N, C-alpha and C. Protein backbone atom coordinates (compact mmCIF):
# COMPACT_ATOMS: atom_id res chain seq x y z
N MET A 1 0.85 -1.17 0.00
CA MET A 1 0.00 0.00 0.00
C MET A 1 0.90 1.24 0.00
N LYS A 2 0.53 2.22 -0.78
CA LYS A 2 1.26 3.48 -0.83
C LYS A 2 0.33 4.60 -0.40
N LEU A 3 0.76 5.37 0.58
CA LEU A 3 0.00 6.52 1.03
C LEU A 3 0.65 7.78 0.48
N THR A 4 -0.16 8.66 -0.05
CA THR A 4 0.35 9.90 -0.61
C THR A 4 -0.25 11.08 0.15
N SER A 5 0.59 12.01 0.53
CA SER A 5 0.14 13.19 1.25
C SER A 5 -0.59 14.15 0.32
N SER A 6 -1.76 14.58 0.74
CA SER A 6 -2.50 15.57 -0.06
C SER A 6 -1.81 16.93 -0.04
N TYR A 7 -0.89 17.13 0.90
CA TYR A 7 -0.19 18.40 1.00
C TYR A 7 0.92 18.55 -0.04
N LEU A 8 1.27 17.45 -0.72
CA LEU A 8 2.33 17.50 -1.73
C LEU A 8 1.85 18.09 -3.05
N ASP A 9 0.55 18.10 -3.28
CA ASP A 9 -0.01 18.61 -4.53
C ASP A 9 -0.11 20.13 -4.44
N THR A 10 0.88 20.81 -5.00
CA THR A 10 0.90 22.27 -4.90
C THR A 10 0.00 22.94 -5.93
N THR A 11 -0.67 22.16 -6.77
CA THR A 11 -1.60 22.76 -7.73
C THR A 11 -2.95 23.06 -7.08
N GLN A 12 -3.20 22.50 -5.92
CA GLN A 12 -4.46 22.72 -5.21
C GLN A 12 -4.34 23.96 -4.32
N ASN A 13 -5.44 24.68 -4.15
CA ASN A 13 -5.44 25.81 -3.23
C ASN A 13 -5.36 25.30 -1.81
N GLN A 14 -4.52 25.92 -1.02
CA GLN A 14 -4.40 25.59 0.39
C GLN A 14 -4.59 26.87 1.18
N TYR A 15 -5.29 26.76 2.30
CA TYR A 15 -5.60 27.93 3.11
C TYR A 15 -5.18 27.68 4.55
N LYS A 16 -4.65 28.71 5.17
CA LYS A 16 -4.24 28.64 6.57
C LYS A 16 -5.36 29.29 7.39
N VAL A 17 -6.02 28.47 8.24
CA VAL A 17 -7.23 28.91 8.95
C VAL A 17 -7.15 28.49 10.41
N ASN A 18 -7.62 29.35 11.31
CA ASN A 18 -7.79 28.99 12.72
C ASN A 18 -9.23 29.31 13.11
N LEU A 19 -9.93 28.31 13.64
CA LEU A 19 -11.31 28.50 14.08
C LEU A 19 -11.44 28.60 15.60
N HIS A 20 -10.33 28.55 16.33
CA HIS A 20 -10.40 28.52 17.79
C HIS A 20 -9.37 29.48 18.38
N ALA A 21 -9.78 30.74 18.54
CA ALA A 21 -8.90 31.78 19.08
C ALA A 21 -9.68 32.63 20.07
N HIS A 22 -9.15 32.76 21.28
CA HIS A 22 -9.81 33.55 22.32
C HIS A 22 -9.17 34.93 22.46
N THR A 23 -9.97 35.90 22.87
CA THR A 23 -9.50 37.27 23.08
C THR A 23 -9.85 37.70 24.50
N THR A 24 -9.61 38.97 24.77
CA THR A 24 -9.96 39.52 26.08
C THR A 24 -11.48 39.57 26.30
N ASN A 25 -12.26 39.25 25.28
CA ASN A 25 -13.71 39.14 25.47
C ASN A 25 -14.08 37.89 26.26
N SER A 26 -13.14 36.98 26.44
CA SER A 26 -13.34 35.84 27.36
C SER A 26 -12.05 35.63 28.13
N ASP A 27 -11.28 34.60 27.85
CA ASP A 27 -10.10 34.32 28.66
C ASP A 27 -8.78 34.47 27.91
N GLY A 28 -8.78 35.19 26.79
CA GLY A 28 -7.55 35.42 26.04
C GLY A 28 -6.77 36.60 26.58
N ARG A 29 -5.53 36.74 26.12
CA ARG A 29 -4.66 37.83 26.58
C ARG A 29 -4.62 39.01 25.63
N LEU A 30 -5.08 38.80 24.38
CA LEU A 30 -5.03 39.86 23.37
C LEU A 30 -6.43 40.35 23.04
N SER A 31 -6.53 41.61 22.68
CA SER A 31 -7.81 42.17 22.25
C SER A 31 -8.19 41.57 20.90
N PRO A 32 -9.45 41.71 20.49
CA PRO A 32 -9.83 41.21 19.16
C PRO A 32 -8.94 41.75 18.04
N GLN A 33 -8.65 43.05 18.04
CA GLN A 33 -7.80 43.59 16.98
C GLN A 33 -6.38 43.04 17.06
N GLU A 34 -5.86 42.89 18.27
CA GLU A 34 -4.50 42.35 18.42
C GLU A 34 -4.40 40.91 17.91
N ILE A 35 -5.44 40.10 18.16
CA ILE A 35 -5.39 38.71 17.71
C ILE A 35 -5.51 38.65 16.18
N VAL A 36 -6.34 39.51 15.60
CA VAL A 36 -6.44 39.58 14.14
C VAL A 36 -5.10 40.00 13.55
N ASP A 37 -4.47 41.01 14.13
CA ASP A 37 -3.17 41.47 13.63
C ASP A 37 -2.13 40.36 13.71
N LEU A 38 -2.12 39.61 14.80
CA LEU A 38 -1.15 38.52 14.99
C LEU A 38 -1.32 37.45 13.91
N TYR A 39 -2.56 37.00 13.70
CA TYR A 39 -2.79 35.94 12.70
C TYR A 39 -2.54 36.44 11.28
N ALA A 40 -2.85 37.70 11.00
CA ALA A 40 -2.55 38.26 9.68
C ALA A 40 -1.04 38.29 9.46
N GLN A 41 -0.31 38.68 10.49
CA GLN A 41 1.16 38.72 10.41
C GLN A 41 1.74 37.33 10.16
N GLU A 42 1.09 36.30 10.68
CA GLU A 42 1.55 34.92 10.51
C GLU A 42 1.08 34.29 9.20
N GLY A 43 0.39 35.07 8.37
CA GLY A 43 0.02 34.59 7.04
C GLY A 43 -1.26 33.79 6.96
N TYR A 44 -2.13 33.93 7.96
CA TYR A 44 -3.40 33.20 7.91
C TYR A 44 -4.33 33.83 6.88
N ASP A 45 -5.14 32.97 6.26
CA ASP A 45 -6.13 33.43 5.29
C ASP A 45 -7.47 33.73 5.95
N SER A 46 -7.75 33.03 7.04
CA SER A 46 -9.05 33.17 7.70
C SER A 46 -8.91 32.91 9.19
N LEU A 47 -9.78 33.55 9.96
CA LEU A 47 -9.76 33.43 11.42
C LEU A 47 -11.17 33.54 11.95
N MET A 48 -11.48 32.72 12.95
CA MET A 48 -12.73 32.87 13.70
C MET A 48 -12.35 33.16 15.14
N ILE A 49 -12.74 34.32 15.63
CA ILE A 49 -12.58 34.62 17.05
C ILE A 49 -13.68 33.85 17.76
N SER A 50 -13.28 32.94 18.62
CA SER A 50 -14.25 32.01 19.24
C SER A 50 -14.22 32.14 20.75
N ASP A 51 -14.57 33.31 21.23
CA ASP A 51 -14.60 33.51 22.68
C ASP A 51 -15.69 32.66 23.32
N HIS A 52 -15.54 32.44 24.62
CA HIS A 52 -16.50 31.62 25.36
C HIS A 52 -17.85 32.32 25.44
N ASP A 53 -18.86 31.71 24.83
CA ASP A 53 -20.25 32.18 24.92
C ASP A 53 -20.38 33.67 24.60
N PHE A 54 -19.60 34.14 23.64
CA PHE A 54 -19.60 35.55 23.24
C PHE A 54 -19.20 35.65 21.78
N VAL A 55 -20.03 36.31 20.97
CA VAL A 55 -19.70 36.52 19.55
C VAL A 55 -19.06 37.88 19.39
N THR A 56 -17.85 37.90 18.84
CA THR A 56 -17.19 39.14 18.47
C THR A 56 -17.55 39.43 17.02
N ASP A 57 -18.20 40.54 16.79
CA ASP A 57 -18.63 40.91 15.43
C ASP A 57 -17.39 41.15 14.57
N PRO A 58 -17.21 40.38 13.49
CA PRO A 58 -16.05 40.60 12.63
C PRO A 58 -15.95 42.03 12.09
N ALA A 59 -17.08 42.71 11.95
CA ALA A 59 -17.06 44.09 11.45
C ALA A 59 -16.48 45.07 12.47
N SER A 60 -16.29 44.62 13.72
CA SER A 60 -15.78 45.51 14.76
C SER A 60 -14.26 45.64 14.75
N VAL A 61 -13.60 44.88 13.87
CA VAL A 61 -12.13 44.94 13.78
C VAL A 61 -11.72 45.09 12.32
N ASN A 62 -10.49 45.54 12.12
CA ASN A 62 -9.92 45.61 10.78
C ASN A 62 -9.42 44.22 10.42
N ALA A 63 -10.04 43.59 9.44
CA ALA A 63 -9.73 42.20 9.09
C ALA A 63 -8.38 42.05 8.39
N ARG A 64 -7.76 43.17 8.04
CA ARG A 64 -6.51 43.12 7.28
C ARG A 64 -6.74 42.34 6.00
N SER A 65 -5.96 41.35 5.72
CA SER A 65 -6.10 40.59 4.47
C SER A 65 -6.89 39.30 4.66
N MET A 66 -7.44 39.09 5.84
CA MET A 66 -8.09 37.82 6.14
C MET A 66 -9.61 37.88 5.98
N THR A 67 -10.19 36.70 5.84
CA THR A 67 -11.63 36.53 5.96
C THR A 67 -11.91 36.19 7.41
N LEU A 68 -12.74 36.98 8.07
CA LEU A 68 -13.11 36.71 9.46
C LEU A 68 -14.45 36.01 9.48
N ILE A 69 -14.52 34.91 10.21
CA ILE A 69 -15.72 34.09 10.29
C ILE A 69 -16.39 34.36 11.63
N PRO A 70 -17.68 34.68 11.65
CA PRO A 70 -18.34 34.90 12.93
C PRO A 70 -18.58 33.57 13.65
N GLY A 71 -18.41 33.58 14.95
CA GLY A 71 -18.66 32.36 15.73
C GLY A 71 -18.25 32.52 17.17
N TYR A 72 -18.39 31.44 17.93
CA TYR A 72 -18.02 31.44 19.34
C TYR A 72 -17.90 30.01 19.82
N GLU A 73 -17.40 29.85 21.05
CA GLU A 73 -17.29 28.54 21.65
C GLU A 73 -18.37 28.38 22.72
N ILE A 74 -19.25 27.43 22.52
CA ILE A 74 -20.28 27.11 23.51
C ILE A 74 -19.58 26.38 24.65
N THR A 75 -19.60 26.98 25.84
CA THR A 75 -18.86 26.37 26.96
C THR A 75 -19.71 26.15 28.20
N ALA A 76 -20.73 26.95 28.41
CA ALA A 76 -21.52 26.84 29.64
C ALA A 76 -22.24 25.50 29.71
N PHE A 77 -22.21 24.89 30.85
CA PHE A 77 -22.99 23.68 31.19
C PHE A 77 -22.49 22.37 30.58
N GLY A 78 -21.34 22.35 29.94
CA GLY A 78 -20.92 21.06 29.40
C GLY A 78 -19.74 21.12 28.47
N PRO A 79 -19.46 20.00 27.80
CA PRO A 79 -18.35 19.96 26.85
C PRO A 79 -18.45 21.07 25.81
N HIS A 80 -17.30 21.55 25.38
CA HIS A 80 -17.22 22.72 24.52
C HIS A 80 -17.48 22.38 23.05
N ILE A 81 -18.22 23.25 22.39
CA ILE A 81 -18.60 23.09 20.98
C ILE A 81 -18.33 24.41 20.26
N LEU A 82 -17.65 24.36 19.13
CA LEU A 82 -17.52 25.55 18.29
C LEU A 82 -18.80 25.73 17.49
N HIS A 83 -19.35 26.92 17.53
CA HIS A 83 -20.49 27.29 16.69
C HIS A 83 -19.93 28.18 15.59
N VAL A 84 -19.69 27.60 14.44
CA VAL A 84 -19.09 28.30 13.31
C VAL A 84 -20.19 28.97 12.49
N ASN A 85 -19.93 30.22 12.10
CA ASN A 85 -20.87 31.04 11.34
C ASN A 85 -22.09 31.43 12.17
N ALA A 86 -21.81 31.92 13.37
CA ALA A 86 -22.87 32.35 14.29
C ALA A 86 -22.90 33.86 14.36
N ASP A 87 -24.09 34.44 14.34
CA ASP A 87 -24.18 35.88 14.52
C ASP A 87 -24.66 36.28 15.90
N GLU A 88 -25.08 35.29 16.69
CA GLU A 88 -25.48 35.55 18.07
C GLU A 88 -25.31 34.28 18.89
N VAL A 89 -25.22 34.46 20.21
CA VAL A 89 -25.10 33.33 21.12
C VAL A 89 -26.48 32.71 21.32
N LEU A 90 -26.56 31.42 21.11
CA LEU A 90 -27.83 30.71 21.32
C LEU A 90 -28.11 30.60 22.82
N PRO A 91 -29.39 30.54 23.21
CA PRO A 91 -29.69 30.26 24.62
C PRO A 91 -29.02 28.94 25.01
N LEU A 92 -28.34 28.95 26.14
CA LEU A 92 -27.51 27.81 26.53
C LEU A 92 -28.30 26.72 27.23
N ASP A 93 -27.87 25.48 27.01
CA ASP A 93 -28.51 24.31 27.59
C ASP A 93 -27.44 23.27 27.85
N ALA A 94 -27.59 22.49 28.91
CA ALA A 94 -26.60 21.45 29.24
C ALA A 94 -26.64 20.28 28.27
N ASP A 95 -27.75 20.05 27.61
CA ASP A 95 -27.89 18.93 26.68
C ASP A 95 -27.12 19.24 25.41
N ARG A 96 -25.99 18.57 25.21
CA ARG A 96 -25.13 18.86 24.07
C ARG A 96 -25.76 18.49 22.74
N GLN A 97 -26.56 17.43 22.68
CA GLN A 97 -27.24 17.10 21.44
C GLN A 97 -28.22 18.20 21.07
N PHE A 98 -28.92 18.73 22.07
CA PHE A 98 -29.85 19.84 21.85
C PHE A 98 -29.11 21.05 21.29
N MET A 99 -27.93 21.35 21.83
CA MET A 99 -27.16 22.50 21.36
C MET A 99 -26.69 22.29 19.92
N ILE A 100 -26.20 21.09 19.60
CA ILE A 100 -25.77 20.80 18.23
C ILE A 100 -26.95 20.95 17.28
N ASP A 101 -28.10 20.43 17.67
CA ASP A 101 -29.30 20.54 16.83
C ASP A 101 -29.68 22.00 16.60
N ARG A 102 -29.55 22.83 17.64
CA ARG A 102 -29.88 24.26 17.51
C ARG A 102 -28.91 24.95 16.57
N VAL A 103 -27.62 24.62 16.68
CA VAL A 103 -26.63 25.19 15.77
C VAL A 103 -27.00 24.84 14.33
N ASN A 104 -27.40 23.60 14.11
CA ASN A 104 -27.70 23.13 12.76
C ASN A 104 -29.00 23.67 12.19
N THR A 105 -29.87 24.25 13.00
CA THR A 105 -31.11 24.83 12.46
C THR A 105 -30.84 26.15 11.74
N GLY A 106 -29.72 26.76 12.03
CA GLY A 106 -29.35 28.00 11.36
C GLY A 106 -28.40 27.73 10.21
N GLU A 107 -27.57 28.70 9.91
CA GLU A 107 -26.61 28.56 8.82
C GLU A 107 -25.22 28.19 9.33
N GLY A 108 -25.12 27.80 10.59
CA GLY A 108 -23.83 27.44 11.16
C GLY A 108 -23.61 25.95 11.17
N PHE A 109 -22.47 25.56 11.73
CA PHE A 109 -22.20 24.14 11.95
C PHE A 109 -21.38 23.98 13.23
N ALA A 110 -21.41 22.77 13.77
CA ALA A 110 -20.80 22.48 15.07
C ALA A 110 -19.55 21.63 14.93
N ILE A 111 -18.54 21.98 15.71
CA ILE A 111 -17.31 21.21 15.83
C ILE A 111 -17.08 20.95 17.31
N MET A 112 -16.81 19.70 17.68
CA MET A 112 -16.56 19.35 19.08
C MET A 112 -15.12 19.74 19.42
N ASN A 113 -14.96 20.45 20.54
CA ASN A 113 -13.64 20.94 20.93
C ASN A 113 -12.96 20.06 21.95
N HIS A 114 -11.64 20.09 21.89
CA HIS A 114 -10.70 19.42 22.80
C HIS A 114 -11.25 18.18 23.51
N PRO A 115 -11.50 17.11 22.73
CA PRO A 115 -11.96 15.87 23.36
C PRO A 115 -10.88 15.29 24.26
N ASN A 116 -11.32 14.57 25.29
CA ASN A 116 -10.40 13.87 26.20
C ASN A 116 -9.39 14.79 26.87
N TRP A 117 -9.82 15.99 27.25
CA TRP A 117 -8.94 16.93 27.94
C TRP A 117 -8.55 16.44 29.32
N GLY A 118 -9.44 15.73 29.97
CA GLY A 118 -9.17 15.26 31.32
C GLY A 118 -10.38 15.43 32.20
N GLU A 119 -10.36 14.75 33.31
CA GLU A 119 -11.55 14.71 34.17
C GLU A 119 -11.88 16.04 34.83
N ASN A 120 -10.94 16.97 34.92
CA ASN A 120 -11.20 18.25 35.56
C ASN A 120 -11.68 19.33 34.60
N PHE A 121 -11.87 18.96 33.33
CA PHE A 121 -12.31 19.92 32.34
C PHE A 121 -13.57 19.41 31.64
N ASN A 122 -14.36 20.36 31.12
CA ASN A 122 -15.51 19.95 30.30
C ASN A 122 -14.99 19.42 28.98
N HIS A 123 -15.24 18.18 28.71
CA HIS A 123 -14.77 17.55 27.49
C HIS A 123 -15.72 16.43 27.10
N CYS A 124 -15.57 15.94 25.90
CA CYS A 124 -16.32 14.77 25.45
C CYS A 124 -15.37 13.60 25.35
N ASP A 125 -15.69 12.53 26.01
CA ASP A 125 -14.88 11.33 25.82
C ASP A 125 -15.39 10.59 24.58
N GLN A 126 -14.73 9.52 24.22
CA GLN A 126 -15.06 8.79 22.99
C GLN A 126 -16.50 8.28 23.00
N ARG A 127 -16.98 7.84 24.14
CA ARG A 127 -18.36 7.34 24.24
C ARG A 127 -19.36 8.46 23.93
N GLU A 128 -19.13 9.63 24.51
CA GLU A 128 -20.03 10.77 24.27
C GLU A 128 -19.98 11.22 22.81
N LEU A 129 -18.77 11.29 22.25
CA LEU A 129 -18.64 11.70 20.85
C LEU A 129 -19.38 10.75 19.92
N ALA A 130 -19.32 9.45 20.21
CA ALA A 130 -20.00 8.46 19.38
C ALA A 130 -21.51 8.58 19.48
N ALA A 131 -22.01 9.02 20.63
CA ALA A 131 -23.45 9.12 20.83
C ALA A 131 -24.05 10.39 20.20
N LEU A 132 -23.25 11.45 20.09
CA LEU A 132 -23.75 12.71 19.53
C LEU A 132 -23.83 12.62 18.01
N GLN A 133 -24.81 13.34 17.44
CA GLN A 133 -24.99 13.35 15.99
C GLN A 133 -25.10 14.79 15.50
N GLY A 134 -24.65 15.02 14.28
CA GLY A 134 -24.86 16.31 13.64
C GLY A 134 -23.68 17.25 13.68
N TYR A 135 -22.63 16.94 14.42
CA TYR A 135 -21.45 17.81 14.37
C TYR A 135 -20.62 17.40 13.16
N VAL A 136 -19.84 18.34 12.62
CA VAL A 136 -19.11 18.06 11.38
C VAL A 136 -17.63 17.83 11.58
N GLY A 137 -17.14 18.02 12.79
CA GLY A 137 -15.71 17.84 13.01
C GLY A 137 -15.37 17.73 14.47
N ILE A 138 -14.13 17.31 14.71
CA ILE A 138 -13.56 17.24 16.06
C ILE A 138 -12.25 18.00 16.01
N GLU A 139 -12.07 18.91 16.94
CA GLU A 139 -10.84 19.70 16.98
C GLU A 139 -9.63 18.80 17.20
N ILE A 140 -8.59 19.07 16.45
CA ILE A 140 -7.30 18.39 16.62
C ILE A 140 -6.30 19.46 17.02
N TYR A 141 -5.59 19.22 18.09
CA TYR A 141 -4.58 20.19 18.54
C TYR A 141 -3.37 19.50 19.07
């Protein structure tokens, strides 16, 4: 069997994107503009500021050369979920399947964050991830 890396094909468009970045609007150290400036300086094509249960309006900062994606990290009451393409924070609920379903009723999509972080953090273990439906990805870090 031969495995070929998809990253070797330089004829395809490749984009540098981060969907999980916190600012001083939650527990980050940089302001929204400072985080945008940092990622632009590092050559990112797109960024989503994903503060905890808070949407930072992309229009409130100078996007520089990047595409800014609206969204946030659902954190209250349970394992963390990225709500990508969100214009407002949904009413929060501890039922994670309910939250994923609510994200999917709009124009956004859900990504499960930092699985298996440890017993002292809100996370989804493998059993929980297998039981949930409707999310489109799992964060890898």
